[in-house]
Amino acid sequence: MNYQAIIFDLDGVIVHTDRYHYLGWKALADRLGLPFDETVNNRLRGVSRLESLEIILENSELKNLSPDEKTALATEKNETYKTLLQAMTPADLAGEVLSALRTLRERGYKLAIGSSSRNAKLILEKIGLAGFFDAVSDGNNIVNSKPDPEVFLKAAEFLGVSPAACAVVEDAGAGIEAAHRAGMKAAAIGDAVRHGSGDWNLGTFADLLGIFR
């Protein structure tokens, strides 16, 4: 297949913000008196903010809160998360990732972000990649989060490239499923490798250079 574009998930692929998400949710859960640990946190990968909140509330009486009350809690978490993100700098972007991205661009590929996060542009700015990607599709322009394919289909639309000519790089099983539902092949990295559904499995980010020549 003659691929024209590569769409990257952001968190866990381009940069790792898992720790900041964990601390944001942990602060909220502690305030509400709810249990929250790494096991629960792992269930939130690739899931929207409100869906993540539903997982945290699922075994408590707070699961019956009104939609407005839940939105307020999700917003509280996000404000904590955004405060934590202020500590990010270009040093949080691995040199291997930046080098590989530049090489892929030199090889003529269009590059895009496909992330459920509403903070994607803020993160890109903090790590020095504001304006680097040809398109950014994120939680601000979609209704349905992964495994729905909307975020990747929007990215292809923004790029002006057919879905079949796009490949996706993902670290979550839900993201791999979303890519396939969009009619795209997917390279798995990190936790997604263990999911077993990727079309390619990456040991490191730089392994992409052996696939997309």
N, C-alpha and C. Protein backbone atom coordinates (compact mmCIF):
# COMPACT_ATOMS: atom_id res chain seq x y z
N MET A 1 0.84 -1.20 0.00
CA MET A 1 0.00 0.00 0.00
C MET A 1 0.88 1.24 0.00
N ASN A 2 0.53 2.21 -0.83
CA ASN A 2 1.27 3.46 -0.91
C ASN A 2 0.66 4.46 0.08
N TYR A 3 1.13 4.43 1.32
CA TYR A 3 0.57 5.32 2.34
C TYR A 3 1.01 6.76 2.10
N GLN A 4 0.09 7.67 2.33
CA GLN A 4 0.37 9.09 2.16
C GLN A 4 0.46 9.84 3.48
N ALA A 5 -0.15 9.29 4.52
CA ALA A 5 -0.23 10.01 5.80
C ALA A 5 -0.14 9.05 6.97
N ILE A 6 0.38 9.57 8.08
CA ILE A 6 0.46 8.81 9.33
C ILE A 6 -0.19 9.65 10.42
N ILE A 7 -1.12 9.04 11.14
CA ILE A 7 -1.86 9.72 12.20
C ILE A 7 -1.43 9.14 13.54
N PHE A 8 -1.01 9.99 14.44
CA PHE A 8 -0.47 9.55 15.72
C PHE A 8 -1.42 9.90 16.86
N ASP A 9 -1.66 8.92 17.73
CA ASP A 9 -2.23 9.26 19.02
C ASP A 9 -1.17 10.11 19.74
N LEU A 10 -1.58 10.90 20.70
CA LEU A 10 -0.63 11.79 21.38
C LEU A 10 -0.12 11.19 22.68
N ASP A 11 -1.01 11.04 23.66
CA ASP A 11 -0.59 10.53 24.96
C ASP A 11 -0.13 9.08 24.84
N GLY A 12 1.10 8.82 25.25
CA GLY A 12 1.62 7.46 25.21
C GLY A 12 2.30 7.10 23.90
N VAL A 13 2.20 7.97 22.90
CA VAL A 13 2.85 7.71 21.61
C VAL A 13 3.89 8.79 21.33
N ILE A 14 3.45 10.03 21.19
CA ILE A 14 4.37 11.14 20.97
C ILE A 14 5.04 11.55 22.28
N VAL A 15 4.26 11.61 23.33
CA VAL A 15 4.77 12.01 24.63
C VAL A 15 3.97 11.28 25.71
N HIS A 16 4.55 11.14 26.86
CA HIS A 16 3.87 10.39 27.94
C HIS A 16 3.33 11.36 28.98
N THR A 17 2.02 11.44 29.05
CA THR A 17 1.36 12.29 30.05
C THR A 17 0.55 11.46 31.04
N ASP A 18 0.74 10.15 31.01
CA ASP A 18 -0.04 9.26 31.88
C ASP A 18 0.05 9.68 33.35
N ARG A 19 1.25 10.07 33.77
CA ARG A 19 1.45 10.41 35.17
C ARG A 19 0.60 11.62 35.57
N TYR A 20 0.51 12.58 34.67
CA TYR A 20 -0.29 13.78 34.95
C TYR A 20 -1.78 13.43 35.02
N HIS A 21 -2.25 12.57 34.10
CA HIS A 21 -3.64 12.12 34.15
C HIS A 21 -3.92 11.40 35.48
N TYR A 22 -3.00 10.51 35.83
CA TYR A 22 -3.17 9.75 37.07
C TYR A 22 -3.30 10.68 38.27
N LEU A 23 -2.40 11.66 38.36
CA LEU A 23 -2.42 12.57 39.50
C LEU A 23 -3.70 13.41 39.52
N GLY A 24 -4.18 13.80 38.33
CA GLY A 24 -5.41 14.57 38.25
C GLY A 24 -6.61 13.79 38.74
N TRP A 25 -6.73 12.54 38.26
CA TRP A 25 -7.86 11.70 38.69
C TRP A 25 -7.71 11.31 40.17
N LYS A 26 -6.48 11.06 40.60
CA LYS A 26 -6.26 10.67 42.00
C LYS A 26 -6.67 11.80 42.94
N ALA A 27 -6.35 13.03 42.58
CA ALA A 27 -6.74 14.16 43.42
C ALA A 27 -8.25 14.25 43.56
N LEU A 28 -8.96 14.03 42.44
CA LEU A 28 -10.42 14.08 42.48
C LEU A 28 -10.98 12.93 43.29
N ALA A 29 -10.48 11.71 43.03
CA ALA A 29 -10.97 10.53 43.74
C ALA A 29 -10.73 10.66 45.24
N ASP A 30 -9.57 11.15 45.62
CA ASP A 30 -9.27 11.32 47.05
C ASP A 30 -10.24 12.31 47.68
N ARG A 31 -10.54 13.39 46.99
CA ARG A 31 -11.47 14.38 47.54
C ARG A 31 -12.85 13.79 47.73
N LEU A 32 -13.25 12.89 46.82
CA LEU A 32 -14.58 12.27 46.87
C LEU A 32 -14.61 11.03 47.77
N GLY A 33 -13.43 10.62 48.25
CA GLY A 33 -13.37 9.43 49.09
C GLY A 33 -13.55 8.14 48.32
N LEU A 34 -13.10 8.11 47.08
CA LEU A 34 -13.26 6.93 46.23
C LEU A 34 -11.91 6.26 46.00
N PRO A 35 -11.90 4.93 45.87
CA PRO A 35 -10.63 4.23 45.61
C PRO A 35 -10.14 4.51 44.19
N PHE A 36 -8.84 4.71 44.05
CA PHE A 36 -8.26 4.93 42.73
C PHE A 36 -6.80 4.52 42.76
N ASP A 37 -6.44 3.60 41.85
CA ASP A 37 -5.05 3.16 41.78
C ASP A 37 -4.67 2.94 40.32
N GLU A 38 -3.48 2.39 40.10
CA GLU A 38 -2.98 2.20 38.74
C GLU A 38 -3.87 1.25 37.94
N THR A 39 -4.48 0.26 38.62
CA THR A 39 -5.36 -0.69 37.91
C THR A 39 -6.56 0.03 37.32
N VAL A 40 -7.19 0.89 38.11
CA VAL A 40 -8.33 1.67 37.60
C VAL A 40 -7.84 2.63 36.52
N ASN A 41 -6.69 3.26 36.76
CA ASN A 41 -6.15 4.22 35.81
C ASN A 41 -5.92 3.60 34.43
N ASN A 42 -5.47 2.34 34.41
CA ASN A 42 -5.21 1.67 33.13
C ASN A 42 -6.47 1.48 32.31
N ARG A 43 -7.62 1.44 32.97
CA ARG A 43 -8.90 1.30 32.25
C ARG A 43 -9.29 2.59 31.54
N LEU A 44 -8.62 3.69 31.87
CA LEU A 44 -8.99 4.99 31.31
C LEU A 44 -8.23 5.31 30.03
N ARG A 45 -7.32 4.45 29.60
CA ARG A 45 -6.51 4.72 28.41
C ARG A 45 -7.38 4.86 27.17
N GLY A 46 -7.22 5.96 26.46
CA GLY A 46 -7.94 6.17 25.21
C GLY A 46 -9.41 6.47 25.39
N VAL A 47 -9.85 6.70 26.64
CA VAL A 47 -11.25 6.91 26.94
C VAL A 47 -11.49 8.39 27.20
N SER A 48 -12.65 8.90 26.82
CA SER A 48 -12.94 10.32 27.01
C SER A 48 -13.02 10.67 28.50
N ARG A 49 -12.98 11.96 28.77
CA ARG A 49 -12.97 12.44 30.15
C ARG A 49 -14.22 12.01 30.91
N LEU A 50 -15.39 12.20 30.32
CA LEU A 50 -16.64 11.83 31.01
C LEU A 50 -16.77 10.32 31.15
N GLU A 51 -16.32 9.58 30.15
CA GLU A 51 -16.36 8.11 30.27
C GLU A 51 -15.39 7.63 31.35
N SER A 52 -14.25 8.30 31.47
CA SER A 52 -13.31 7.98 32.54
C SER A 52 -13.94 8.21 33.90
N LEU A 53 -14.65 9.32 34.03
CA LEU A 53 -15.32 9.62 35.29
C LEU A 53 -16.35 8.55 35.63
N GLU A 54 -17.09 8.09 34.63
CA GLU A 54 -18.09 7.03 34.87
C GLU A 54 -17.43 5.77 35.43
N ILE A 55 -16.24 5.44 34.93
CA ILE A 55 -15.52 4.27 35.43
C ILE A 55 -15.14 4.47 36.89
N ILE A 56 -14.68 5.66 37.23
CA ILE A 56 -14.27 5.94 38.61
C ILE A 56 -15.46 5.92 39.56
N LEU A 57 -16.62 6.36 39.08
CA LEU A 57 -17.82 6.43 39.93
C LEU A 57 -18.64 5.16 39.94
N GLU A 58 -18.30 4.17 39.11
CA GLU A 58 -19.22 3.06 38.82
C GLU A 58 -19.66 2.25 40.03
N ASN A 59 -18.82 2.13 41.03
CA ASN A 59 -19.19 1.32 42.20
C ASN A 59 -19.57 2.16 43.42
N SER A 60 -19.91 3.40 43.17
CA SER A 60 -20.28 4.28 44.29
C SER A 60 -21.65 4.89 44.05
N GLU A 61 -22.22 5.46 45.09
CA GLU A 61 -23.52 6.12 44.96
C GLU A 61 -23.43 7.36 44.07
N LEU A 62 -22.24 7.87 43.87
CA LEU A 62 -22.05 9.07 43.05
C LEU A 62 -22.31 8.80 41.56
N LYS A 63 -22.44 7.54 41.20
CA LYS A 63 -22.72 7.23 39.79
C LYS A 63 -24.09 7.78 39.38
N ASN A 64 -24.93 8.11 40.36
CA ASN A 64 -26.27 8.63 40.07
C ASN A 64 -26.33 10.16 40.06
N LEU A 65 -25.17 10.80 40.09
CA LEU A 65 -25.15 12.26 39.99
C LEU A 65 -25.76 12.72 38.68
N SER A 66 -26.23 13.96 38.64
CA SER A 66 -26.81 14.50 37.42
C SER A 66 -25.71 14.75 36.38
N PRO A 67 -26.07 14.83 35.11
CA PRO A 67 -25.08 15.12 34.06
C PRO A 67 -24.30 16.40 34.34
N ASP A 68 -24.96 17.42 34.85
CA ASP A 68 -24.27 18.68 35.15
C ASP A 68 -23.25 18.50 36.28
N GLU A 69 -23.61 17.71 37.29
CA GLU A 69 -22.69 17.47 38.40
C GLU A 69 -21.47 16.67 37.93
N LYS A 70 -21.71 15.72 37.04
CA LYS A 70 -20.59 14.93 36.51
C LYS A 70 -19.68 15.79 35.63
N THR A 71 -20.29 16.66 34.86
CA THR A 71 -19.49 17.57 34.03
C THR A 71 -18.61 18.45 34.90
N ALA A 72 -19.15 18.90 36.02
CA ALA A 72 -18.39 19.75 36.94
C ALA A 72 -17.19 18.98 37.52
N LEU A 73 -17.41 17.72 37.86
CA LEU A 73 -16.31 16.90 38.39
C LEU A 73 -15.24 16.67 37.33
N ALA A 74 -15.66 16.37 36.11
CA ALA A 74 -14.70 16.16 35.01
C ALA A 74 -13.91 17.43 34.74
N THR A 75 -14.58 18.57 34.84
CA THR A 75 -13.90 19.85 34.63
C THR A 75 -12.89 20.10 35.75
N GLU A 76 -13.25 19.75 36.98
CA GLU A 76 -12.33 19.91 38.10
C GLU A 76 -11.06 19.11 37.87
N LYS A 77 -11.23 17.86 37.43
CA LYS A 77 -10.05 17.03 37.12
C LYS A 77 -9.21 17.67 36.04
N ASN A 78 -9.86 18.19 35.00
CA ASN A 78 -9.11 18.74 33.88
C ASN A 78 -8.34 19.99 34.27
N GLU A 79 -8.89 20.79 35.17
CA GLU A 79 -8.18 21.98 35.62
C GLU A 79 -6.92 21.58 36.40
N THR A 80 -7.04 20.54 37.21
CA THR A 80 -5.86 20.02 37.92
C THR A 80 -4.83 19.52 36.92
N TYR A 81 -5.29 18.77 35.93
CA TYR A 81 -4.42 18.21 34.90
C TYR A 81 -3.70 19.32 34.13
N LYS A 82 -4.43 20.36 33.73
CA LYS A 82 -3.82 21.45 32.97
C LYS A 82 -2.77 22.18 33.80
N THR A 83 -3.02 22.29 35.10
CA THR A 83 -2.03 22.91 35.97
C THR A 83 -0.75 22.08 36.00
N LEU A 84 -0.92 20.76 36.09
CA LEU A 84 0.24 19.85 36.08
C LEU A 84 1.00 19.92 34.76
N LEU A 85 0.26 20.09 33.66
CA LEU A 85 0.89 20.15 32.34
C LEU A 85 1.82 21.35 32.18
N GLN A 86 1.60 22.37 32.98
CA GLN A 86 2.44 23.56 32.86
C GLN A 86 3.91 23.25 33.14
N ALA A 87 4.15 22.12 33.80
CA ALA A 87 5.52 21.74 34.11
C ALA A 87 6.22 21.08 32.91
N MET A 88 5.46 20.76 31.86
CA MET A 88 6.06 20.10 30.70
C MET A 88 6.92 21.09 29.90
N THR A 89 7.97 20.56 29.28
CA THR A 89 8.86 21.35 28.45
C THR A 89 9.25 20.50 27.24
N PRO A 90 9.94 21.08 26.25
CA PRO A 90 10.44 20.28 25.12
C PRO A 90 11.32 19.11 25.55
N ALA A 91 11.88 19.15 26.76
CA ALA A 91 12.69 18.05 27.26
C ALA A 91 11.85 16.79 27.47
N ASP A 92 10.51 16.93 27.55
CA ASP A 92 9.64 15.77 27.71
C ASP A 92 9.45 15.01 26.40
N LEU A 93 9.86 15.60 25.29
CA LEU A 93 9.78 14.95 24.00
C LEU A 93 11.07 14.19 23.74
N ALA A 94 10.99 12.88 23.60
CA ALA A 94 12.19 12.07 23.39
C ALA A 94 12.86 12.44 22.07
N GLY A 95 14.18 12.49 22.09
CA GLY A 95 14.93 12.80 20.88
C GLY A 95 14.65 11.82 19.76
N GLU A 96 14.46 10.54 20.11
CA GLU A 96 14.16 9.50 19.11
C GLU A 96 12.85 9.80 18.39
N VAL A 97 11.86 10.28 19.14
CA VAL A 97 10.56 10.59 18.55
C VAL A 97 10.68 11.77 17.59
N LEU A 98 11.32 12.83 18.04
CA LEU A 98 11.47 14.01 17.19
C LEU A 98 12.26 13.69 15.92
N SER A 99 13.32 12.93 16.05
CA SER A 99 14.14 12.57 14.90
C SER A 99 13.34 11.75 13.89
N ALA A 100 12.57 10.77 14.40
CA ALA A 100 11.77 9.93 13.51
C ALA A 100 10.68 10.73 12.81
N LEU A 101 10.03 11.64 13.54
CA LEU A 101 9.00 12.48 12.93
C LEU A 101 9.59 13.32 11.80
N ARG A 102 10.75 13.90 12.03
CA ARG A 102 11.39 14.71 11.00
C ARG A 102 11.76 13.88 9.78
N THR A 103 12.23 12.66 10.02
CA THR A 103 12.59 11.78 8.90
C THR A 103 11.36 11.39 8.09
N LEU A 104 10.26 11.07 8.76
CA LEU A 104 9.02 10.72 8.06
C LEU A 104 8.53 11.89 7.21
N ARG A 105 8.65 13.09 7.75
CA ARG A 105 8.26 14.28 6.97
C ARG A 105 9.17 14.43 5.75
N GLU A 106 10.46 14.22 5.92
CA GLU A 106 11.41 14.32 4.81
C GLU A 106 11.10 13.29 3.73
N ARG A 107 10.53 12.16 4.13
CA ARG A 107 10.17 11.11 3.18
C ARG A 107 8.85 11.40 2.47
N GLY A 108 8.22 12.50 2.82
CA GLY A 108 7.04 12.94 2.09
C GLY A 108 5.70 12.59 2.70
N TYR A 109 5.70 12.04 3.91
CA TYR A 109 4.43 11.71 4.55
C TYR A 109 3.79 12.93 5.19
N LYS A 110 2.47 13.02 5.08
CA LYS A 110 1.73 14.00 5.87
C LYS A 110 1.57 13.41 7.27
N LEU A 111 1.67 14.28 8.27
CA LEU A 111 1.62 13.82 9.66
C LEU A 111 0.49 14.53 10.40
N ALA A 112 -0.25 13.76 11.20
CA ALA A 112 -1.38 14.33 11.94
C ALA A 112 -1.45 13.72 13.33
N ILE A 113 -2.15 14.43 14.21
CA ILE A 113 -2.48 13.93 15.54
C ILE A 113 -3.94 13.50 15.52
N GLY A 114 -4.23 12.34 16.12
CA GLY A 114 -5.60 11.87 16.30
C GLY A 114 -5.78 11.46 17.75
N SER A 115 -6.25 12.39 18.57
CA SER A 115 -6.30 12.17 20.02
C SER A 115 -7.65 12.55 20.58
N SER A 116 -8.13 11.78 21.54
CA SER A 116 -9.40 12.10 22.20
C SER A 116 -9.24 13.25 23.19
N SER A 117 -8.01 13.64 23.49
CA SER A 117 -7.75 14.69 24.48
C SER A 117 -8.20 16.05 23.97
N ARG A 118 -8.80 16.83 24.85
CA ARG A 118 -9.14 18.22 24.53
C ARG A 118 -7.94 19.15 24.77
N ASN A 119 -6.87 18.57 25.33
CA ASN A 119 -5.69 19.37 25.65
C ASN A 119 -4.54 19.13 24.68
N ALA A 120 -4.82 18.51 23.54
CA ALA A 120 -3.75 18.13 22.62
C ALA A 120 -2.92 19.33 22.19
N LYS A 121 -3.56 20.43 21.83
CA LYS A 121 -2.80 21.60 21.35
C LYS A 121 -1.95 22.20 22.45
N LEU A 122 -2.45 22.19 23.68
CA LEU A 122 -1.66 22.69 24.81
C LEU A 122 -0.42 21.83 25.00
N ILE A 123 -0.59 20.51 24.95
CA ILE A 123 0.55 19.60 25.13
C ILE A 123 1.57 19.80 24.02
N LEU A 124 1.10 19.90 22.78
CA LEU A 124 2.01 20.11 21.66
C LEU A 124 2.80 21.41 21.83
N GLU A 125 2.12 22.42 22.31
CA GLU A 125 2.81 23.70 22.55
C GLU A 125 3.89 23.55 23.62
N LYS A 126 3.57 22.85 24.70
CA LYS A 126 4.51 22.73 25.81
C LYS A 126 5.74 21.93 25.42
N ILE A 127 5.61 20.96 24.51
CA ILE A 127 6.75 20.12 24.14
C ILE A 127 7.45 20.62 22.87
N GLY A 128 7.04 21.80 22.39
CA GLY A 128 7.72 22.40 21.26
C GLY A 128 7.27 21.93 19.89
N LEU A 129 6.08 21.34 19.79
CA LEU A 129 5.60 20.84 18.51
C LEU A 129 4.37 21.60 18.00
N ALA A 130 4.10 22.77 18.56
CA ALA A 130 2.99 23.59 18.05
C ALA A 130 3.25 23.93 16.58
N GLY A 131 2.29 23.63 15.72
CA GLY A 131 2.43 23.92 14.30
C GLY A 131 3.21 22.90 13.51
N PHE A 132 3.75 21.88 14.18
CA PHE A 132 4.56 20.88 13.46
C PHE A 132 3.71 19.97 12.58
N PHE A 133 2.55 19.54 13.09
CA PHE A 133 1.74 18.57 12.37
C PHE A 133 0.86 19.24 11.32
N ASP A 134 0.59 18.50 10.25
CA ASP A 134 -0.23 19.03 9.15
C ASP A 134 -1.68 19.16 9.56
N ALA A 135 -2.11 18.39 10.56
CA ALA A 135 -3.49 18.47 11.05
C ALA A 135 -3.53 17.95 12.48
N VAL A 136 -4.45 18.49 13.26
CA VAL A 136 -4.69 18.01 14.62
C VAL A 136 -6.18 17.75 14.77
N SER A 137 -6.53 16.50 14.97
CA SER A 137 -7.91 16.11 15.27
C SER A 137 -7.92 15.66 16.72
N ASP A 138 -8.74 16.32 17.54
CA ASP A 138 -8.73 16.00 18.97
C ASP A 138 -10.12 16.07 19.57
N GLY A 139 -10.18 16.02 20.88
CA GLY A 139 -11.47 15.99 21.57
C GLY A 139 -12.33 17.21 21.36
N ASN A 140 -11.76 18.28 20.81
CA ASN A 140 -12.53 19.49 20.57
C ASN A 140 -13.32 19.45 19.27
N ASN A 141 -13.02 18.50 18.39
CA ASN A 141 -13.73 18.47 17.11
C ASN A 141 -14.47 17.15 16.86
N ILE A 142 -14.61 16.35 17.91
CA ILE A 142 -15.32 15.07 17.76
C ILE A 142 -16.42 14.97 18.81
N VAL A 143 -17.39 14.11 18.51
CA VAL A 143 -18.48 13.80 19.43
C VAL A 143 -18.22 12.48 20.14
N ASN A 144 -17.68 11.52 19.39
CA ASN A 144 -17.49 10.16 19.90
C ASN A 144 -16.02 9.84 20.07
N SER A 145 -15.66 9.31 21.23
CA SER A 145 -14.26 8.96 21.48
C SER A 145 -13.97 7.53 21.02
N LYS A 146 -12.71 7.18 20.98
CA LYS A 146 -12.29 5.83 20.58
C LYS A 146 -12.95 4.80 21.49
N PRO A 147 -13.37 3.66 20.99
CA PRO A 147 -13.04 3.04 19.70
C PRO A 147 -13.87 3.51 18.50
N ASP A 148 -14.70 4.53 18.66
CA ASP A 148 -15.35 5.10 17.49
C ASP A 148 -14.25 5.67 16.58
N PRO A 149 -14.39 5.52 15.26
CA PRO A 149 -13.33 5.97 14.34
C PRO A 149 -13.34 7.46 14.04
N GLU A 150 -14.26 8.23 14.63
CA GLU A 150 -14.45 9.61 14.23
C GLU A 150 -13.16 10.43 14.25
N VAL A 151 -12.36 10.32 15.31
CA VAL A 151 -11.18 11.17 15.42
C VAL A 151 -10.19 10.94 14.28
N PHE A 152 -10.08 9.68 13.82
CA PHE A 152 -9.16 9.38 12.73
C PHE A 152 -9.74 9.76 11.38
N LEU A 153 -11.04 9.59 11.22
CA LEU A 153 -11.68 10.00 9.97
C LEU A 153 -11.61 11.51 9.81
N LYS A 154 -11.75 12.25 10.92
CA LYS A 154 -11.62 13.70 10.86
C LYS A 154 -10.19 14.10 10.49
N ALA A 155 -9.22 13.39 11.05
CA ALA A 155 -7.82 13.69 10.74
C ALA A 155 -7.56 13.51 9.25
N ALA A 156 -8.07 12.41 8.68
CA ALA A 156 -7.90 12.16 7.24
C ALA A 156 -8.57 13.27 6.43
N GLU A 157 -9.75 13.67 6.88
CA GLU A 157 -10.47 14.76 6.21
C GLU A 157 -9.67 16.05 6.25
N PHE A 158 -9.12 16.38 7.41
CA PHE A 158 -8.32 17.60 7.54
C PHE A 158 -7.09 17.56 6.65
N LEU A 159 -6.52 16.37 6.49
CA LEU A 159 -5.32 16.20 5.66
C LEU A 159 -5.64 16.20 4.17
N GLY A 160 -6.91 15.88 3.85
CA GLY A 160 -7.27 15.73 2.44
C GLY A 160 -6.76 14.43 1.85
N VAL A 161 -6.70 13.39 2.69
CA VAL A 161 -6.19 12.08 2.28
C VAL A 161 -7.26 11.04 2.55
N SER A 162 -7.43 10.07 1.67
CA SER A 162 -8.44 9.03 1.88
C SER A 162 -8.05 8.16 3.08
N PRO A 163 -9.02 7.68 3.85
CA PRO A 163 -8.70 6.84 5.00
C PRO A 163 -7.81 5.65 4.65
N ALA A 164 -8.02 5.04 3.50
CA ALA A 164 -7.25 3.86 3.13
C ALA A 164 -5.77 4.18 2.92
N ALA A 165 -5.45 5.45 2.68
CA ALA A 165 -4.06 5.86 2.47
C ALA A 165 -3.41 6.36 3.74
N CYS A 166 -4.13 6.21 4.89
CA CYS A 166 -3.61 6.64 6.19
C CYS A 166 -3.25 5.44 7.05
N ALA A 167 -2.20 5.57 7.83
CA ALA A 167 -1.85 4.59 8.85
C ALA A 167 -1.88 5.29 10.20
N VAL A 168 -2.15 4.53 11.24
CA VAL A 168 -2.29 5.08 12.59
C VAL A 168 -1.23 4.46 13.50
N VAL A 169 -0.74 5.24 14.46
CA VAL A 169 0.16 4.73 15.49
C VAL A 169 -0.53 4.91 16.83
N GLU A 170 -0.73 3.82 17.56
CA GLU A 170 -1.55 3.83 18.78
C GLU A 170 -0.93 3.00 19.89
N ASP A 171 -1.20 3.42 21.13
CA ASP A 171 -0.73 2.65 22.29
C ASP A 171 -1.87 2.02 23.08
N ALA A 172 -3.10 2.12 22.58
CA ALA A 172 -4.26 1.57 23.29
C ALA A 172 -5.08 0.68 22.37
N GLY A 173 -5.63 -0.38 22.94
CA GLY A 173 -6.46 -1.29 22.15
C GLY A 173 -7.64 -0.59 21.53
N ALA A 174 -8.25 0.36 22.27
CA ALA A 174 -9.40 1.09 21.74
C ALA A 174 -8.99 1.91 20.52
N GLY A 175 -7.76 2.40 20.52
CA GLY A 175 -7.28 3.17 19.38
C GLY A 175 -7.03 2.31 18.16
N ILE A 176 -6.49 1.10 18.38
CA ILE A 176 -6.30 0.16 17.27
C ILE A 176 -7.64 -0.19 16.65
N GLU A 177 -8.64 -0.46 17.50
CA GLU A 177 -9.98 -0.77 17.00
C GLU A 177 -10.56 0.41 16.21
N ALA A 178 -10.36 1.62 16.73
CA ALA A 178 -10.85 2.82 16.04
C ALA A 178 -10.22 2.96 14.66
N ALA A 179 -8.92 2.70 14.57
CA ALA A 179 -8.22 2.79 13.29
C ALA A 179 -8.79 1.79 12.29
N HIS A 180 -8.99 0.56 12.74
CA HIS A 180 -9.53 -0.46 11.85
C HIS A 180 -10.95 -0.13 11.40
N ARG A 181 -11.73 0.42 12.32
CA ARG A 181 -13.10 0.81 11.96
C ARG A 181 -13.11 1.98 10.98
N ALA A 182 -12.01 2.75 10.97
CA ALA A 182 -11.88 3.85 10.02
C ALA A 182 -11.36 3.38 8.66
N GLY A 183 -11.03 2.09 8.58
CA GLY A 183 -10.48 1.55 7.33
C GLY A 183 -8.99 1.80 7.19
N MET A 184 -8.30 1.95 8.33
CA MET A 184 -6.87 2.24 8.33
C MET A 184 -6.09 1.11 8.99
N LYS A 185 -4.86 0.92 8.55
CA LYS A 185 -3.95 0.00 9.23
C LYS A 185 -3.39 0.70 10.45
N ALA A 186 -2.96 -0.10 11.45
CA ALA A 186 -2.49 0.49 12.70
C ALA A 186 -1.21 -0.16 13.18
N ALA A 187 -0.27 0.67 13.59
CA ALA A 187 0.96 0.21 14.23
C ALA A 187 0.77 0.31 15.74
N ALA A 188 1.00 -0.79 16.44
CA ALA A 188 0.84 -0.82 17.90
C ALA A 188 2.17 -0.55 18.58
N ILE A 189 2.11 0.25 19.64
CA ILE A 189 3.30 0.53 20.44
C ILE A 189 2.89 0.48 21.91
N GLY A 190 3.82 0.16 22.79
CA GLY A 190 3.51 0.14 24.22
C GLY A 190 2.45 -0.89 24.57
N ASP A 191 1.47 -0.50 25.36
CA ASP A 191 0.44 -1.42 25.83
C ASP A 191 -0.35 -2.05 24.69
N ALA A 192 -0.49 -1.35 23.56
CA ALA A 192 -1.28 -1.88 22.45
C ALA A 192 -0.64 -3.12 21.83
N VAL A 193 0.66 -3.29 21.99
CA VAL A 193 1.32 -4.49 21.47
C VAL A 193 0.74 -5.73 22.16
N ARG A 194 0.52 -5.62 23.46
CA ARG A 194 -0.05 -6.75 24.22
C ARG A 194 -1.50 -7.01 23.85
N HIS A 195 -2.16 -6.01 23.30
CA HIS A 195 -3.55 -6.18 22.87
C HIS A 195 -3.64 -7.17 21.71
N GLY A 196 -2.58 -7.20 20.88
CA GLY A 196 -2.47 -8.22 19.84
C GLY A 196 -3.21 -7.97 18.56
N SER A 197 -3.75 -6.75 18.36
CA SER A 197 -4.56 -6.52 17.16
C SER A 197 -3.92 -5.54 16.17
N GLY A 198 -2.70 -5.10 16.45
CA GLY A 198 -2.03 -4.18 15.55
C GLY A 198 -1.59 -4.87 14.26
N ASP A 199 -1.52 -4.11 13.18
CA ASP A 199 -1.02 -4.65 11.92
C ASP A 199 0.50 -4.72 11.92
N TRP A 200 1.13 -3.84 12.70
CA TRP A 200 2.56 -3.89 12.96
C TRP A 200 2.76 -3.69 14.46
N ASN A 201 3.81 -4.30 15.00
CA ASN A 201 4.14 -4.11 16.40
C ASN A 201 5.49 -3.41 16.50
N LEU A 202 5.54 -2.31 17.23
CA LEU A 202 6.74 -1.51 17.36
C LEU A 202 7.41 -1.75 18.71
N GLY A 203 8.72 -2.02 18.68
CA GLY A 203 9.48 -2.10 19.91
C GLY A 203 9.85 -0.71 20.38
N THR A 204 10.17 0.16 19.42
CA THR A 204 10.48 1.56 19.71
C THR A 204 9.81 2.43 18.65
N PHE A 205 9.69 3.71 18.94
CA PHE A 205 9.08 4.64 17.99
C PHE A 205 9.86 4.66 16.68
N ALA A 206 11.16 4.55 16.76
CA ALA A 206 12.00 4.61 15.56
C ALA A 206 11.76 3.43 14.61
N ASP A 207 11.13 2.36 15.11
CA ASP A 207 10.82 1.22 14.23
C ASP A 207 9.90 1.62 13.08
N LEU A 208 9.20 2.74 13.23
CA LEU A 208 8.34 3.22 12.14
C LEU A 208 9.13 3.47 10.87
N LEU A 209 10.41 3.83 11.02
CA LEU A 209 11.22 4.16 9.85
C LEU A 209 11.50 2.94 8.98
N GLY A 210 11.39 1.75 9.58
CA GLY A 210 11.56 0.54 8.80
C GLY A 210 10.30 0.11 8.07
N ILE A 211 9.18 0.69 8.47
CA ILE A 211 7.88 0.37 7.84
C ILE A 211 7.54 1.38 6.75
N PHE A 212 7.69 2.64 7.08
CA PHE A 212 7.33 3.72 6.15
C PHE A 212 8.60 4.31 5.56
N ARG A 213 9.00 3.73 4.44
CA ARG A 213 10.29 4.10 3.84
C ARG A 213 10.11 5.23 2.84
